[in-house]
Amino acid sequence: MRAEIISIGDELTSGQRLDTNSQWLAQRLTDLGIHVIAHSTISDDMAINVEVFRTAARRADIILCTGGLGPTKDDLTREAFSVAFELPLETYPEALAHIEKLFQARQRVMPERNKVQALFPSGSRIIPNPHGTAPGIDLTVTHTDHSARFFALPGVPAEMRQMWDETVQPRLIAECGAGQRQIRYATLKCFGIGESEVEVRMPDLIARDRIPRVGITASRATITLRIAAEGESIEACQEMMAPTIAEIRERLGDIVYSEIDEELPDTLFKMLQQRNQTVATIEYGEAALLGHWLSQAQDRYRTENSRHCFVGSISFSDLAQATRHGDADGNTQAVLHSVAESWHQQFDSDWIVIVGPYPKVHSTIENVAAGHKNLSDIAPIDFAVSRRNGAAIEITHKQVAMSGHPDVLNYRIAKAALDQLRYSLLSSSS
């Protein structure tokens, strides 16, 4: 089955309110094995409502609508159904009685205008709304040889969700055969290469007609590969996805840092937890993200009796300030070793991650725009990971010139620092 979700309201199309109903409904439809092929967000305009309803009826089997069921003149869903499918509106006495009872319970006089909420397209069914005055509409229409079923629900999230749970989902299962097949997803998270390079490494795996399908998305330098499978059971879906997961692992190797939908700091914290080791972070420049991220991860995953794996962070304006006495004479490698040795003792940590300088990102972009197209023209970033091995300090250091959009650059730098720690942990356990 194919489904479409239609969200209705000027407050949505104008950006005044975020549409969370569509996401919630899409997840529920997917859980029932129903493919969501389109999301439409439309204004309170009769012609647009009619056009979108007709289009949805031609291409989808199930259409879920939210919004437009109130009593005011800009609530057009029922009238749009009537016009789109040439169905007269009829007053349903049981719906009117429910609305009147709600007003009586609230000790309020029901405005005459609320009676329009008891109007339904001929042949439709009521979707009860136990706590609201806007009953939903369950309407089946036929276009040539294609039958489509609309479920119109109010836009109030609490009412919509209860009506889904108590009426819409049971009807989809009992009357439409939903839930007989499963749709499941596997997620692989990657860091270290770009979206286009991932595609180059596995063009056959992301072909749009491939089963199971593999999709790629990028967000703040993290690449997410999402595998989708459909089968008769959860186990069948997992069995279908397993060879694809293994193939991606083989082609991308350690670039894949997780097979669940988690961010890099969470993966690093779990690795440290498994090894019963600790880390501290030293950052300098215009940002300080690592301490915040690892602290959040510790809050999420640390249990009452477990050890603190993240033991502290400190940030400085520059590398000179990171030394105990502000003395940064000598080469960078020697300075970083001095910093690591000092702060290992201060934090009593197994690992130290040092990264900087985070650049003034807007200045970096201005430099590139001014003609500094070679990345070597931009000050390189130091990435250092230090390990305390008994009394010895072992440090791995590299310098990388990095640039990018201001909204992404510092995230990429911080994640690259964590990724260097990840590889160090992998190497130390091999």
Protein backbone atom coordinates (compact mmCIF):
# COMPACT_ATOMS: atom_id res chain seq x y z
CA MET A 1 0.00 0.00 0.00
CA ARG A 2 1.07 3.56 -0.75
CA ALA A 3 0.21 6.46 1.53
CA GLU A 4 0.29 10.24 1.39
CA ILE A 5 0.14 12.69 4.28
CA ILE A 6 -1.47 16.11 3.85
CA SER A 7 -1.03 18.85 6.45
CA ILE A 8 -3.37 21.80 6.18
CA GLY A 9 -3.06 25.30 7.57
CA ASP A 10 -1.72 28.77 6.84
CA GLU A 11 0.31 28.57 10.06
CA LEU A 12 2.26 25.69 8.52
CA THR A 13 2.83 27.08 5.03
CA SER A 14 3.88 30.46 6.48
CA GLY A 15 6.44 28.83 8.79
CA GLN A 16 4.76 30.09 11.97
CA ARG A 17 4.34 26.55 13.25
CA LEU A 18 6.39 23.40 12.70
CA ASP A 19 4.55 20.40 11.28
CA THR A 20 5.29 17.55 13.69
CA ASN A 21 2.11 15.62 12.86
CA SER A 22 3.42 14.43 9.49
CA GLN A 23 6.57 12.94 10.96
CA TRP A 24 4.59 11.16 13.68
CA LEU A 25 2.06 9.74 11.22
CA ALA A 26 4.75 8.68 8.75
CA GLN A 27 6.47 6.65 11.44
CA ARG A 28 3.19 4.92 12.36
CA LEU A 29 2.39 4.11 8.74
CA THR A 30 5.86 2.67 8.20
CA ASP A 31 5.43 0.50 11.31
CA LEU A 32 2.37 -0.98 9.59
CA GLY A 33 4.32 -1.75 6.41
CA ILE A 34 2.73 1.10 4.44
CA HIS A 35 5.01 3.08 2.12
CA VAL A 36 4.69 6.84 2.49
CA ILE A 37 5.26 8.29 -0.99
CA ALA A 38 4.48 11.97 -0.43
CA HIS A 39 4.06 14.71 2.16
CA SER A 40 2.03 17.76 1.16
CA THR A 41 1.67 20.94 3.21
CA ILE A 42 -1.05 23.27 1.95
CA SER A 43 -2.67 26.53 2.96
CA ASP A 44 -6.28 27.23 3.90
CA ASP A 45 -7.26 27.75 0.28
CA MET A 46 -10.24 25.91 -1.23
CA ALA A 47 -8.85 25.51 -4.77
CA ILE A 48 -5.53 24.17 -3.48
CA ASN A 49 -7.25 21.77 -1.08
CA VAL A 50 -9.42 20.39 -3.86
CA GLU A 51 -6.48 20.00 -6.25
CA VAL A 52 -4.28 18.25 -3.70
CA PHE A 53 -7.08 15.90 -2.57
CA ARG A 54 -7.75 14.87 -6.16
CA THR A 55 -4.06 14.32 -6.87
CA ALA A 56 -3.61 12.23 -3.73
CA ALA A 57 -6.64 10.10 -4.60
CA ARG A 58 -5.03 9.22 -7.94
CA ARG A 59 -1.61 8.20 -6.62
CA ALA A 60 -2.08 6.85 -3.08
CA ASP A 61 -4.16 4.13 -1.47
CA ILE A 62 -4.26 5.70 1.99
CA ILE A 63 -4.31 9.47 2.60
CA LEU A 64 -4.01 10.95 6.08
CA CYS A 65 -4.99 14.61 6.48
CA THR A 66 -4.49 16.78 9.53
CA GLY A 67 -6.04 20.18 10.11
CA GLY A 68 -8.99 22.07 8.66
CA LEU A 69 -11.72 20.44 10.76
CA GLY A 70 -12.47 23.32 13.09
CA PRO A 71 -15.66 25.44 13.08
CA THR A 72 -14.23 28.63 11.55
CA LYS A 73 -14.45 29.76 7.95
CA ASP A 74 -10.82 28.92 7.21
CA ASP A 75 -11.41 25.24 8.12
CA LEU A 76 -12.11 23.83 4.68
CA THR A 77 -11.45 20.08 4.77
CA ARG A 78 -15.04 18.88 4.73
CA GLU A 79 -16.09 21.40 2.06
CA ALA A 80 -13.02 20.52 -0.03
CA PHE A 81 -13.96 16.83 0.09
CA SER A 82 -17.46 17.74 -1.07
CA VAL A 83 -16.21 19.78 -4.01
CA ALA A 84 -13.32 17.48 -5.00
CA PHE A 85 -15.43 14.33 -5.15
CA GLU A 86 -18.89 15.81 -5.82
CA LEU A 87 -20.36 14.56 -2.56
CA PRO A 88 -23.07 16.48 -0.69
CA LEU A 89 -22.50 17.32 2.96
CA GLU A 90 -24.88 15.77 5.45
CA THR A 91 -25.40 16.38 9.16
CA TYR A 92 -24.61 13.25 11.18
CA PRO A 93 -26.86 13.39 14.30
CA GLU A 94 -24.49 11.30 16.45
CA ALA A 95 -21.63 13.68 15.71
CA LEU A 96 -23.78 16.72 16.54
CA ALA A 97 -24.93 15.09 19.79
CA HIS A 98 -21.29 14.49 20.79
CA ILE A 99 -20.34 18.12 20.14
CA GLU A 100 -23.34 19.41 22.10
CA LYS A 101 -22.49 17.09 25.00
CA LEU A 102 -18.93 18.43 25.14
CA PHE A 103 -20.17 22.01 25.42
CA GLN A 104 -22.64 21.02 28.11
CA ALA A 105 -19.89 19.29 30.08
CA ARG A 106 -17.81 22.48 29.85
CA GLN A 107 -20.83 24.54 30.92
CA ARG A 108 -20.63 26.65 27.77
CA VAL A 109 -23.21 27.61 25.18
CA MET A 110 -22.41 26.01 21.85
CA PRO A 111 -22.02 28.63 19.07
CA GLU A 112 -24.19 28.00 16.03
CA ARG A 113 -21.07 27.80 13.89
CA ASN A 114 -19.91 24.60 15.64
CA LYS A 115 -22.72 22.70 13.96
CA VAL A 116 -20.63 22.60 10.77
CA GLN A 117 -18.35 20.13 12.53
CA ALA A 118 -21.17 17.59 12.32
CA LEU A 119 -21.26 17.86 8.51
CA PHE A 120 -19.79 14.88 6.65
CA PRO A 121 -19.42 14.02 2.97
CA SER A 122 -22.12 11.57 1.97
CA GLY A 123 -21.05 7.97 2.56
CA SER A 124 -18.20 8.81 4.95
CA ARG A 125 -17.75 7.44 8.45
CA ILE A 126 -17.09 9.22 11.73
CA ILE A 127 -13.71 8.97 13.43
CA PRO A 128 -14.63 9.64 17.08
CA ASN A 129 -12.75 12.40 18.89
CA PRO A 130 -13.35 11.70 22.59
CA HIS A 131 -11.93 14.98 23.89
CA GLY A 132 -12.47 17.46 21.06
CA THR A 133 -15.26 19.04 19.04
CA ALA A 134 -13.72 18.05 15.68
CA PRO A 135 -14.65 14.48 14.75
CA GLY A 136 -12.57 12.96 12.00
CA ILE A 137 -13.71 11.85 8.57
CA ASP A 138 -13.16 8.38 7.08
CA LEU A 139 -13.95 8.61 3.36
CA THR A 140 -13.36 6.16 0.50
CA VAL A 141 -13.41 7.54 -3.04
CA THR A 142 -12.90 5.88 -6.41
CA HIS A 143 -11.09 7.50 -9.33
CA THR A 144 -11.48 5.43 -12.52
CA ASP A 145 -10.35 1.98 -11.31
CA HIS A 146 -8.39 3.19 -8.28
CA SER A 147 -9.85 3.33 -4.78
CA ALA A 148 -8.37 5.68 -2.18
CA ARG A 149 -9.24 5.99 1.47
CA PHE A 150 -8.96 9.32 3.30
CA PHE A 151 -8.64 9.68 7.05
CA ALA A 152 -9.05 13.35 8.02
CA LEU A 153 -7.96 14.17 11.55
CA PRO A 154 -7.77 17.41 13.56
CA GLY A 155 -4.48 19.25 13.74
CA VAL A 156 -4.30 19.23 17.56
CA PRO A 157 -1.55 16.63 18.16
CA ALA A 158 -3.02 15.07 21.31
CA GLU A 159 -6.44 14.59 19.70
CA MET A 160 -4.93 13.33 16.44
CA ARG A 161 -2.76 10.75 18.17
CA GLN A 162 -5.60 9.37 20.29
CA MET A 163 -7.84 9.09 17.23
CA TRP A 164 -5.06 7.28 15.37
CA ASP A 165 -4.52 4.83 18.21
CA GLU A 166 -8.18 4.13 18.94
CA THR A 167 -9.75 4.20 15.47
CA VAL A 168 -7.53 4.78 12.42
CA GLN A 169 -4.86 2.17 13.08
CA PRO A 170 -7.38 -0.56 14.03
CA ARG A 171 -9.36 0.14 10.84
CA LEU A 172 -6.22 0.03 8.70
CA ILE A 173 -5.33 -3.35 10.18
CA ALA A 174 -8.81 -4.89 10.15
CA GLU A 175 -10.18 -3.41 6.91
CA CYS A 176 -7.14 -2.63 4.74
CA GLY A 177 -4.78 -5.47 5.58
CA ALA A 178 -2.14 -3.19 7.07
CA GLY A 179 0.47 -4.76 9.30
CA GLN A 180 0.72 -7.99 7.30
CA ARG A 181 4.12 -6.89 6.01
CA GLN A 182 6.90 -5.15 7.85
CA ILE A 183 9.20 -2.29 6.84
CA ARG A 184 12.41 -2.05 8.80
CA TYR A 185 15.51 0.14 8.60
CA ALA A 186 19.17 -0.34 9.45
CA THR A 187 21.40 2.68 9.99
CA LEU A 188 25.15 2.90 9.49
CA LYS A 189 26.93 6.08 10.57
CA CYS A 190 30.17 7.11 8.89
CA PHE A 191 32.82 9.77 9.30
CA GLY A 192 35.97 10.60 7.40
CA ILE A 193 34.89 10.88 3.78
CA GLY A 194 32.31 12.91 1.90
CA GLU A 195 28.93 11.90 0.56
CA SER A 196 30.13 11.81 -3.06
CA GLU A 197 33.10 9.58 -2.20
CA VAL A 198 30.77 7.13 -0.45
CA GLU A 199 28.77 6.97 -3.65
CA VAL A 200 31.91 6.37 -5.72
CA ARG A 201 32.89 3.43 -3.51
CA MET A 202 29.54 1.66 -3.84
CA PRO A 203 27.52 2.91 -6.83
CA ASP A 204 25.75 -0.43 -7.26
CA LEU A 205 24.58 -0.46 -3.64
CA ILE A 206 22.74 2.84 -3.89
CA ALA A 207 20.94 2.19 -7.18
CA ARG A 208 17.34 3.36 -6.78
CA ASP A 209 15.86 0.08 -8.06
CA ARG A 210 17.96 -2.04 -5.71
CA ILE A 211 16.39 -4.22 -3.02
CA PRO A 212 16.99 -3.52 -0.20
CA ARG A 213 17.35 0.18 -0.94
CA VAL A 214 20.27 2.16 0.47
CA GLY A 215 19.96 5.92 0.95
CA ILE A 216 22.66 8.46 1.82
CA THR A 217 22.27 11.65 3.84
CA ALA A 218 24.86 14.08 5.22
CA SER A 219 24.57 16.26 8.30
CA ARG A 220 27.41 18.33 9.78
CA ALA A 221 30.11 16.10 8.25
CA THR A 222 28.49 12.83 9.38
CA ILE A 223 27.30 10.47 6.63
CA THR A 224 24.28 8.27 7.35
CA LEU A 225 23.52 5.19 5.26
CA ARG A 226 19.96 3.98 5.76
CA ILE A 227 18.96 0.55 4.49
CA ALA A 228 15.25 -0.19 4.01
CA ALA A 229 13.77 -3.67 3.67
CA GLU A 230 10.22 -4.96 3.41
CA GLY A 231 9.19 -8.48 4.35
CA GLU A 232 6.65 -10.67 6.05
CA SER A 233 8.37 -10.36 9.44
CA ILE A 234 11.00 -8.37 11.27
CA GLU A 235 13.31 -11.37 11.01
CA ALA A 236 12.82 -11.54 7.23
CA CYS A 237 13.71 -7.84 6.93
CA GLN A 238 16.83 -8.29 9.02
CA GLU A 239 17.88 -11.31 6.97
CA MET A 240 17.40 -9.32 3.78
CA MET A 241 19.52 -6.42 5.05
CA ALA A 242 22.38 -8.45 6.52
CA PRO A 243 24.35 -9.05 3.27
CA THR A 244 24.09 -5.36 2.36
CA ILE A 245 25.35 -4.30 5.79
CA ALA A 246 28.26 -6.72 5.45
CA GLU A 247 29.08 -5.41 1.95
CA ILE A 248 29.07 -1.79 3.14
CA ARG A 249 31.31 -2.74 6.05
CA GLU A 250 33.72 -4.44 3.65
CA ARG A 251 33.89 -1.47 1.28
CA LEU A 252 34.06 1.31 3.86
CA GLY A 253 35.89 -0.44 6.69
CA ASP A 254 36.43 1.59 9.85
CA ILE A 255 34.87 4.66 8.23
CA VAL A 256 31.64 3.12 9.57
CA TYR A 257 31.69 3.94 13.27
CA SER A 258 28.25 2.68 14.30
CA GLU A 259 25.40 0.44 13.15
CA ILE A 260 22.82 2.28 15.21
CA ASP A 261 21.55 5.82 14.86
CA GLU A 262 23.98 7.49 17.27
CA GLU A 263 26.47 10.32 17.06
CA LEU A 264 30.25 9.97 17.26
CA PRO A 265 30.58 11.16 20.91
CA ASP A 266 28.22 8.37 22.01
CA THR A 267 30.28 5.76 20.17
CA LEU A 268 33.49 7.07 21.75
CA PHE A 269 32.03 7.08 25.25
CA LYS A 270 30.86 3.47 24.87
CA MET A 271 34.31 2.41 23.62
CA LEU A 272 35.92 3.99 26.67
CA GLN A 273 33.33 2.39 28.93
CA GLN A 274 34.10 -1.07 27.52
CA ARG A 275 37.82 -0.52 28.14
CA ASN A 276 37.30 1.08 31.57
CA GLN A 277 39.41 4.02 30.44
CA THR A 278 39.15 7.78 30.78
CA VAL A 279 39.60 10.77 28.50
CA ALA A 280 40.00 14.51 28.92
CA THR A 281 39.96 17.17 26.21
CA ILE A 282 42.04 20.27 25.52
CA GLU A 283 40.65 22.71 22.92
CA TYR A 284 41.85 26.10 21.80
CA GLY A 285 40.60 28.72 19.40
CA GLU A 286 37.12 30.00 18.68
CA ALA A 287 35.10 26.95 19.83
CA ALA A 288 35.05 24.17 22.42
CA LEU A 289 32.67 21.38 21.43
CA LEU A 290 34.27 18.18 22.67
CA GLY A 291 33.74 18.74 26.37
CA HIS A 292 30.07 19.54 25.88
CA TRP A 293 29.48 16.53 23.64
CA LEU A 294 31.26 14.01 25.85
CA SER A 295 29.57 15.36 28.97
CA GLN A 296 26.19 14.85 27.33
CA ALA A 297 27.16 11.31 26.27
CA GLN A 298 28.22 10.54 29.84
CA ASP A 299 24.85 11.75 31.12
CA ARG A 300 23.11 9.44 28.65
CA TYR A 301 25.09 6.26 29.21
CA ARG A 302 26.70 6.34 32.64
CA THR A 303 24.99 4.13 35.20
CA GLU A 304 24.91 4.72 38.93
CA ASN A 305 27.85 2.46 39.70
CA SER A 306 29.89 2.94 36.54
CA ARG A 307 33.09 4.93 36.28
CA HIS A 308 33.30 8.45 34.91
CA CYS A 309 34.97 7.89 31.54
CA PHE A 310 34.98 11.57 30.66
CA VAL A 311 36.96 13.29 33.38
CA GLY A 312 37.23 16.88 32.25
CA SER A 313 37.80 19.49 29.59
CA ILE A 314 39.49 22.83 29.33
CA SER A 315 39.67 25.41 26.58
CA PHE A 316 42.13 28.16 25.77
CA SER A 317 42.41 31.00 23.32
CA ASP A 318 45.63 29.56 21.87
CA LEU A 319 48.15 26.77 22.30
CA ALA A 320 50.50 28.87 24.42
CA GLN A 321 47.88 29.19 27.15
CA ALA A 322 47.43 25.41 27.19
CA THR A 323 50.87 24.87 28.72
CA ARG A 324 51.01 25.03 32.49
CA HIS A 325 53.19 28.14 32.44
CA GLY A 326 52.14 29.69 29.14
CA ASP A 327 55.49 28.75 27.52
CA ALA A 328 55.02 27.56 23.93
CA ASP A 329 58.65 27.83 22.80
CA GLY A 330 59.89 25.06 20.56
CA ASN A 331 58.21 23.12 17.79
CA THR A 332 54.54 22.19 17.88
CA GLN A 333 55.22 18.50 18.56
CA ALA A 334 57.26 19.36 21.66
CA VAL A 335 54.66 21.82 22.88
CA LEU A 336 51.83 19.30 22.45
CA HIS A 337 53.85 16.69 24.33
CA SER A 338 54.36 19.18 27.16
CA VAL A 339 50.66 20.02 27.21
CA ALA A 340 49.65 16.35 27.21
CA GLU A 341 52.08 15.43 29.99
CA SER A 342 50.90 18.29 32.16
CA TRP A 343 47.19 17.67 31.74
CA HIS A 344 47.40 13.88 32.03
CA GLN A 345 48.61 14.53 35.55
CA GLN A 346 45.99 17.22 36.15
CA PHE A 347 43.05 15.08 35.01
CA ASP A 348 44.53 11.66 35.90
CA SER A 349 43.27 10.43 32.51
CA ASP A 350 44.27 7.54 30.26
CA TRP A 351 43.76 9.63 27.12
CA ILE A 352 44.01 13.30 26.20
CA VAL A 353 42.55 14.74 23.00
CA ILE A 354 44.02 18.07 21.90
CA VAL A 355 42.54 20.04 19.02
CA GLY A 356 42.96 23.58 17.74
CA PRO A 357 42.92 26.24 16.76
CA TYR A 358 39.25 26.33 15.91
CA PRO A 359 39.30 29.13 13.33
CA LYS A 360 37.20 32.23 13.17
CA VAL A 361 34.96 30.55 10.65
CA HIS A 362 33.60 33.68 9.02
CA SER A 363 37.14 34.96 8.54
CA THR A 364 38.08 31.63 6.98
CA ILE A 365 35.28 31.88 4.47
CA GLU A 366 36.23 35.46 3.71
CA ASN A 367 39.83 34.35 3.07
CA VAL A 368 38.67 31.73 0.60
CA ALA A 369 36.36 34.24 -1.10
CA ALA A 370 39.25 36.68 -1.32
CA GLY A 371 41.24 34.26 -3.43
CA HIS A 372 43.03 31.94 -1.00
CA LYS A 373 41.73 28.89 -2.83
CA ASN A 374 44.61 26.65 -1.79
CA LEU A 375 43.87 25.05 1.57
CA SER A 376 47.53 25.50 2.50
CA ASP A 377 46.80 29.24 2.67
CA ILE A 378 44.60 28.57 5.74
CA ALA A 379 46.26 27.87 9.10
CA PRO A 380 46.32 24.09 9.68
CA ILE A 381 44.51 22.48 12.58
CA ASP A 382 46.44 20.40 15.14
CA PHE A 383 44.92 17.05 16.06
CA ALA A 384 46.70 15.19 18.82
CA VAL A 385 45.78 12.12 20.83
CA SER A 386 47.92 11.28 23.82
CA ARG A 387 47.93 7.98 25.68
CA ARG A 388 49.40 7.41 29.11
CA ASN A 389 51.21 4.06 29.04
CA GLY A 390 52.59 3.58 32.50
CA ALA A 391 54.98 6.48 33.09
CA ALA A 392 55.37 7.10 29.35
CA ILE A 393 53.33 9.48 27.23
CA GLU A 394 52.64 8.32 23.67
CA ILE A 395 51.30 11.05 21.40
CA THR A 396 49.97 10.93 17.84
CA HIS A 397 49.85 14.26 16.06
CA LYS A 398 48.82 15.46 12.64
CA GLN A 399 48.12 18.82 11.06
CA VAL A 400 45.30 19.21 8.55
CA ALA A 401 44.19 22.30 6.62
CA MET A 402 40.40 22.47 6.79
CA SER A 403 37.81 24.87 5.45
CA GLY A 404 34.08 24.86 4.89
CA HIS A 405 30.81 26.58 5.57
CA PRO A 406 30.69 28.37 8.95
CA ASP A 407 27.77 26.24 10.10
CA VAL A 408 29.74 23.01 9.50
CA LEU A 409 33.46 23.72 9.85
CA ASN A 410 33.84 23.60 13.63
CA TYR A 411 31.65 20.50 13.83
CA ARG A 412 33.89 18.81 11.27
CA ILE A 413 37.02 19.77 13.22
CA ALA A 414 35.62 18.47 16.53
CA LYS A 415 34.42 15.23 14.96
CA ALA A 416 37.80 14.72 13.28
CA ALA A 417 39.43 14.98 16.70
CA LEU A 418 37.08 12.36 18.14
CA ASP A 419 37.65 10.17 15.10
CA GLN A 420 41.41 10.24 15.70
CA LEU A 421 40.73 9.06 19.26
CA ARG A 422 38.49 6.31 17.85
CA TYR A 423 41.25 5.02 15.59
CA SER A 424 43.73 5.18 18.47
CA LEU A 425 41.38 3.11 20.62
CA LEU A 426 40.90 0.59 17.82
CA SER A 427 44.66 0.36 17.33
CA SER A 428 45.38 -0.02 21.02
CA SER A 429 42.96 -2.95 21.33
CA SER A 430 44.18 -4.82 18.24
